[in-house]
Amino acid sequence: MAHHKSAEKRIRQTVVSTARNRANTSRMKSAVKQAEEAIASGNKTAAEAALKAAQPELARGVVKGVLHKNTAARKMSRLTKRLRALA
């Protein structure tokens, strides 16, 4: 248990930032998962729409500090590559 005012504040801040990071991560992972499922289904129009929705979520994850920019770029690249293979 914290005994200093600053440590108590730090605990409160950690709770808030953890919840925020979990929400951002969850939203991003859900978008990527939907894109992967759409690509796996073989429906090109649905896959394009899902990828179009997932790309801004990945970019937002980078801006929010949840994901490294190279990781996001790699995920986008691999999803795009799999989408192009459908054609």
N, C-alpha and C. Protein backbone atom coordinates (compact mmCIF):
# COMPACT_ATOMS: atom_id res chain seq x y z
N MET A 1 0.84 -1.19 0.00
CA MET A 1 0.00 0.00 0.00
C MET A 1 0.88 1.24 0.00
N ALA A 2 0.48 2.24 -0.77
CA ALA A 2 1.26 3.47 -0.89
C ALA A 2 1.14 4.32 0.37
N HIS A 3 2.25 4.94 0.74
CA HIS A 3 2.26 5.78 1.93
C HIS A 3 2.48 7.26 1.61
N HIS A 4 2.77 7.57 0.36
CA HIS A 4 3.02 8.95 -0.04
C HIS A 4 1.94 9.41 -1.01
N LYS A 5 1.68 10.71 -0.95
CA LYS A 5 0.66 11.30 -1.82
C LYS A 5 0.95 11.03 -3.29
N SER A 6 2.22 11.19 -3.66
CA SER A 6 2.61 11.00 -5.07
C SER A 6 2.41 9.55 -5.50
N ALA A 7 2.69 8.61 -4.58
CA ALA A 7 2.52 7.19 -4.91
C ALA A 7 1.04 6.85 -5.05
N GLU A 8 0.20 7.45 -4.21
CA GLU A 8 -1.25 7.23 -4.31
C GLU A 8 -1.78 7.76 -5.63
N LYS A 9 -1.30 8.93 -6.03
CA LYS A 9 -1.71 9.52 -7.31
C LYS A 9 -1.25 8.63 -8.47
N ARG A 10 -0.02 8.14 -8.37
CA ARG A 10 0.52 7.28 -9.42
C ARG A 10 -0.35 6.03 -9.59
N ILE A 11 -0.82 5.47 -8.47
CA ILE A 11 -1.70 4.29 -8.53
C ILE A 11 -3.00 4.64 -9.25
N ARG A 12 -3.58 5.80 -8.93
CA ARG A 12 -4.82 6.21 -9.60
C ARG A 12 -4.59 6.40 -11.10
N GLN A 13 -3.47 7.02 -11.45
CA GLN A 13 -3.17 7.25 -12.87
C GLN A 13 -2.95 5.93 -13.61
N THR A 14 -2.31 4.99 -12.95
CA THR A 14 -2.03 3.70 -13.58
C THR A 14 -3.32 2.97 -13.91
N VAL A 15 -4.29 3.03 -13.01
CA VAL A 15 -5.57 2.37 -13.24
C VAL A 15 -6.25 2.94 -14.49
N VAL A 16 -6.24 4.25 -14.59
CA VAL A 16 -6.89 4.91 -15.73
C VAL A 16 -6.16 4.60 -17.03
N SER A 17 -4.83 4.71 -17.02
CA SER A 17 -4.08 4.49 -18.26
C SER A 17 -4.14 3.02 -18.68
N THR A 18 -4.17 2.10 -17.72
CA THR A 18 -4.27 0.67 -18.05
C THR A 18 -5.60 0.39 -18.74
N ALA A 19 -6.68 0.96 -18.20
CA ALA A 19 -8.00 0.76 -18.81
C ALA A 19 -8.03 1.34 -20.22
N ARG A 20 -7.41 2.50 -20.39
CA ARG A 20 -7.38 3.15 -21.71
C ARG A 20 -6.58 2.31 -22.70
N ASN A 21 -5.42 1.82 -22.26
CA ASN A 21 -4.57 1.01 -23.14
C ASN A 21 -5.25 -0.30 -23.51
N ARG A 22 -5.94 -0.91 -22.55
CA ARG A 22 -6.65 -2.16 -22.83
C ARG A 22 -7.76 -1.93 -23.85
N ALA A 23 -8.48 -0.82 -23.71
CA ALA A 23 -9.57 -0.51 -24.65
C ALA A 23 -9.01 -0.30 -26.05
N ASN A 24 -7.93 0.47 -26.15
CA ASN A 24 -7.31 0.73 -27.46
C ASN A 24 -6.79 -0.55 -28.08
N THR A 25 -6.13 -1.38 -27.28
CA THR A 25 -5.59 -2.65 -27.77
C THR A 25 -6.71 -3.56 -28.25
N SER A 26 -7.78 -3.63 -27.47
CA SER A 26 -8.90 -4.49 -27.81
C SER A 26 -9.55 -4.07 -29.12
N ARG A 27 -9.77 -2.75 -29.27
CA ARG A 27 -10.39 -2.24 -30.49
C ARG A 27 -9.51 -2.55 -31.71
N MET A 28 -8.20 -2.38 -31.54
CA MET A 28 -7.27 -2.62 -32.62
C MET A 28 -7.23 -4.11 -32.98
N LYS A 29 -7.13 -4.98 -31.97
CA LYS A 29 -7.08 -6.41 -32.22
C LYS A 29 -8.36 -6.91 -32.88
N SER A 30 -9.50 -6.37 -32.45
CA SER A 30 -10.79 -6.77 -33.04
C SER A 30 -10.84 -6.43 -34.52
N ALA A 31 -10.37 -5.24 -34.86
CA ALA A 31 -10.38 -4.81 -36.26
C ALA A 31 -9.49 -5.71 -37.10
N VAL A 32 -8.30 -6.03 -36.58
CA VAL A 32 -7.37 -6.90 -37.31
C VAL A 32 -7.96 -8.30 -37.47
N LYS A 33 -8.58 -8.80 -36.40
CA LYS A 33 -9.17 -10.13 -36.44
C LYS A 33 -10.30 -10.20 -37.46
N GLN A 34 -11.13 -9.14 -37.51
CA GLN A 34 -12.22 -9.11 -38.50
C GLN A 34 -11.67 -9.10 -39.91
N ALA A 35 -10.58 -8.36 -40.12
CA ALA A 35 -9.95 -8.32 -41.44
C ALA A 35 -9.41 -9.70 -41.81
N GLU A 36 -8.76 -10.37 -40.85
CA GLU A 36 -8.22 -11.70 -41.13
C GLU A 36 -9.32 -12.70 -41.45
N GLU A 37 -10.43 -12.61 -40.71
CA GLU A 37 -11.55 -13.52 -40.97
C GLU A 37 -12.17 -13.26 -42.34
N ALA A 38 -12.28 -11.98 -42.70
CA ALA A 38 -12.85 -11.63 -44.01
C ALA A 38 -11.95 -12.13 -45.13
N ILE A 39 -10.65 -12.02 -44.94
CA ILE A 39 -9.71 -12.51 -45.96
C ILE A 39 -9.80 -14.03 -46.05
N ALA A 40 -9.89 -14.69 -44.90
CA ALA A 40 -9.97 -16.15 -44.88
C ALA A 40 -11.25 -16.66 -45.53
N SER A 41 -12.33 -15.86 -45.44
CA SER A 41 -13.59 -16.28 -46.03
C SER A 41 -13.54 -16.28 -47.56
N GLY A 42 -12.63 -15.46 -48.11
CA GLY A 42 -12.47 -15.42 -49.56
C GLY A 42 -13.34 -14.38 -50.25
N ASN A 43 -14.17 -13.69 -49.50
CA ASN A 43 -15.02 -12.63 -50.06
C ASN A 43 -14.19 -11.35 -50.19
N LYS A 44 -13.84 -11.01 -51.43
CA LYS A 44 -12.89 -9.91 -51.65
C LYS A 44 -13.46 -8.56 -51.23
N THR A 45 -14.72 -8.29 -51.51
CA THR A 45 -15.28 -6.97 -51.18
C THR A 45 -15.36 -6.78 -49.66
N ALA A 46 -15.76 -7.84 -48.96
CA ALA A 46 -15.83 -7.76 -47.49
C ALA A 46 -14.43 -7.62 -46.91
N ALA A 47 -13.47 -8.32 -47.50
CA ALA A 47 -12.09 -8.26 -47.02
C ALA A 47 -11.51 -6.86 -47.22
N GLU A 48 -11.81 -6.25 -48.36
CA GLU A 48 -11.32 -4.88 -48.62
C GLU A 48 -11.90 -3.90 -47.62
N ALA A 49 -13.19 -4.04 -47.34
CA ALA A 49 -13.84 -3.15 -46.38
C ALA A 49 -13.27 -3.34 -44.97
N ALA A 50 -13.05 -4.60 -44.59
CA ALA A 50 -12.50 -4.89 -43.27
C ALA A 50 -11.08 -4.36 -43.14
N LEU A 51 -10.29 -4.50 -44.20
CA LEU A 51 -8.92 -3.99 -44.17
C LEU A 51 -8.90 -2.47 -44.10
N LYS A 52 -9.83 -1.86 -44.82
CA LYS A 52 -9.94 -0.41 -44.80
C LYS A 52 -10.30 0.10 -43.40
N ALA A 53 -11.05 -0.70 -42.65
CA ALA A 53 -11.41 -0.34 -41.27
C ALA A 53 -10.26 -0.63 -40.31
N ALA A 54 -9.46 -1.66 -40.60
CA ALA A 54 -8.39 -2.07 -39.69
C ALA A 54 -7.18 -1.14 -39.78
N GLN A 55 -6.91 -0.60 -40.95
CA GLN A 55 -5.72 0.24 -41.12
C GLN A 55 -5.73 1.48 -40.22
N PRO A 56 -6.82 2.24 -40.13
CA PRO A 56 -6.80 3.39 -39.23
C PRO A 56 -6.69 2.97 -37.76
N GLU A 57 -7.23 1.81 -37.41
CA GLU A 57 -7.13 1.34 -36.03
C GLU A 57 -5.68 1.03 -35.68
N LEU A 58 -4.95 0.41 -36.61
CA LEU A 58 -3.54 0.14 -36.39
C LEU A 58 -2.75 1.45 -36.27
N ALA A 59 -3.06 2.39 -37.14
CA ALA A 59 -2.38 3.69 -37.09
C ALA A 59 -2.68 4.40 -35.77
N ARG A 60 -3.92 4.29 -35.31
CA ARG A 60 -4.31 4.90 -34.04
C ARG A 60 -3.57 4.23 -32.89
N GLY A 61 -3.35 2.93 -32.99
CA GLY A 61 -2.59 2.21 -31.97
C GLY A 61 -1.16 2.73 -31.86
N VAL A 62 -0.58 3.10 -33.00
CA VAL A 62 0.77 3.67 -33.01
C VAL A 62 0.76 5.03 -32.33
N VAL A 63 -0.20 5.87 -32.69
CA VAL A 63 -0.29 7.22 -32.13
C VAL A 63 -0.51 7.18 -30.62
N LYS A 64 -1.32 6.23 -30.17
CA LYS A 64 -1.63 6.13 -28.75
C LYS A 64 -0.52 5.45 -27.96
N GLY A 65 0.48 4.90 -28.66
CA GLY A 65 1.60 4.28 -27.97
C GLY A 65 1.36 2.85 -27.56
N VAL A 66 0.33 2.23 -28.14
CA VAL A 66 0.01 0.84 -27.82
C VAL A 66 0.86 -0.11 -28.67
N LEU A 67 1.26 0.36 -29.84
CA LEU A 67 1.95 -0.48 -30.82
C LEU A 67 3.13 0.28 -31.40
N HIS A 68 4.21 -0.42 -31.69
CA HIS A 68 5.36 0.20 -32.35
C HIS A 68 5.01 0.41 -33.82
N LYS A 69 5.53 1.48 -34.41
CA LYS A 69 5.14 1.81 -35.78
C LYS A 69 5.55 0.73 -36.78
N ASN A 70 6.68 0.07 -36.56
CA ASN A 70 7.09 -0.98 -37.48
C ASN A 70 6.19 -2.21 -37.36
N THR A 71 5.71 -2.48 -36.16
CA THR A 71 4.79 -3.60 -35.96
C THR A 71 3.50 -3.36 -36.72
N ALA A 72 2.98 -2.13 -36.60
CA ALA A 72 1.75 -1.78 -37.31
C ALA A 72 1.95 -1.87 -38.82
N ALA A 73 3.09 -1.36 -39.28
CA ALA A 73 3.39 -1.39 -40.71
C ALA A 73 3.47 -2.83 -41.21
N ARG A 74 4.10 -3.69 -40.41
CA ARG A 74 4.23 -5.09 -40.78
C ARG A 74 2.87 -5.77 -40.85
N LYS A 75 2.01 -5.51 -39.88
CA LYS A 75 0.67 -6.10 -39.87
C LYS A 75 -0.13 -5.63 -41.08
N MET A 76 -0.09 -4.33 -41.37
CA MET A 76 -0.82 -3.79 -42.53
C MET A 76 -0.30 -4.41 -43.82
N SER A 77 1.02 -4.51 -43.91
CA SER A 77 1.63 -5.06 -45.11
C SER A 77 1.21 -6.51 -45.34
N ARG A 78 1.24 -7.30 -44.27
CA ARG A 78 0.89 -8.72 -44.40
C ARG A 78 -0.59 -8.91 -44.74
N LEU A 79 -1.44 -8.08 -44.12
CA LEU A 79 -2.87 -8.17 -44.44
C LEU A 79 -3.13 -7.78 -45.90
N THR A 80 -2.48 -6.71 -46.34
CA THR A 80 -2.64 -6.24 -47.72
C THR A 80 -2.15 -7.30 -48.71
N LYS A 81 -1.03 -7.91 -48.37
CA LYS A 81 -0.46 -8.95 -49.22
C LYS A 81 -1.43 -10.13 -49.36
N ARG A 82 -2.03 -10.54 -48.24
CA ARG A 82 -2.99 -11.64 -48.27
C ARG A 82 -4.25 -11.26 -49.05
N LEU A 83 -4.66 -10.00 -48.95
CA LEU A 83 -5.83 -9.53 -49.70
C LEU A 83 -5.55 -9.56 -51.20
N ARG A 84 -4.37 -9.12 -51.59
CA ARG A 84 -4.01 -9.10 -53.01
C ARG A 84 -3.92 -10.51 -53.58
N ALA A 85 -3.57 -11.47 -52.73
CA ALA A 85 -3.46 -12.86 -53.18
C ALA A 85 -4.84 -13.45 -53.53
N LEU A 86 -5.91 -12.83 -52.99
CA LEU A 86 -7.26 -13.32 -53.31
C LEU A 86 -7.61 -13.10 -54.77
N ALA A 87 -7.09 -12.03 -55.35
CA ALA A 87 -7.47 -11.66 -56.72
C ALA A 87 -7.07 -12.70 -57.75
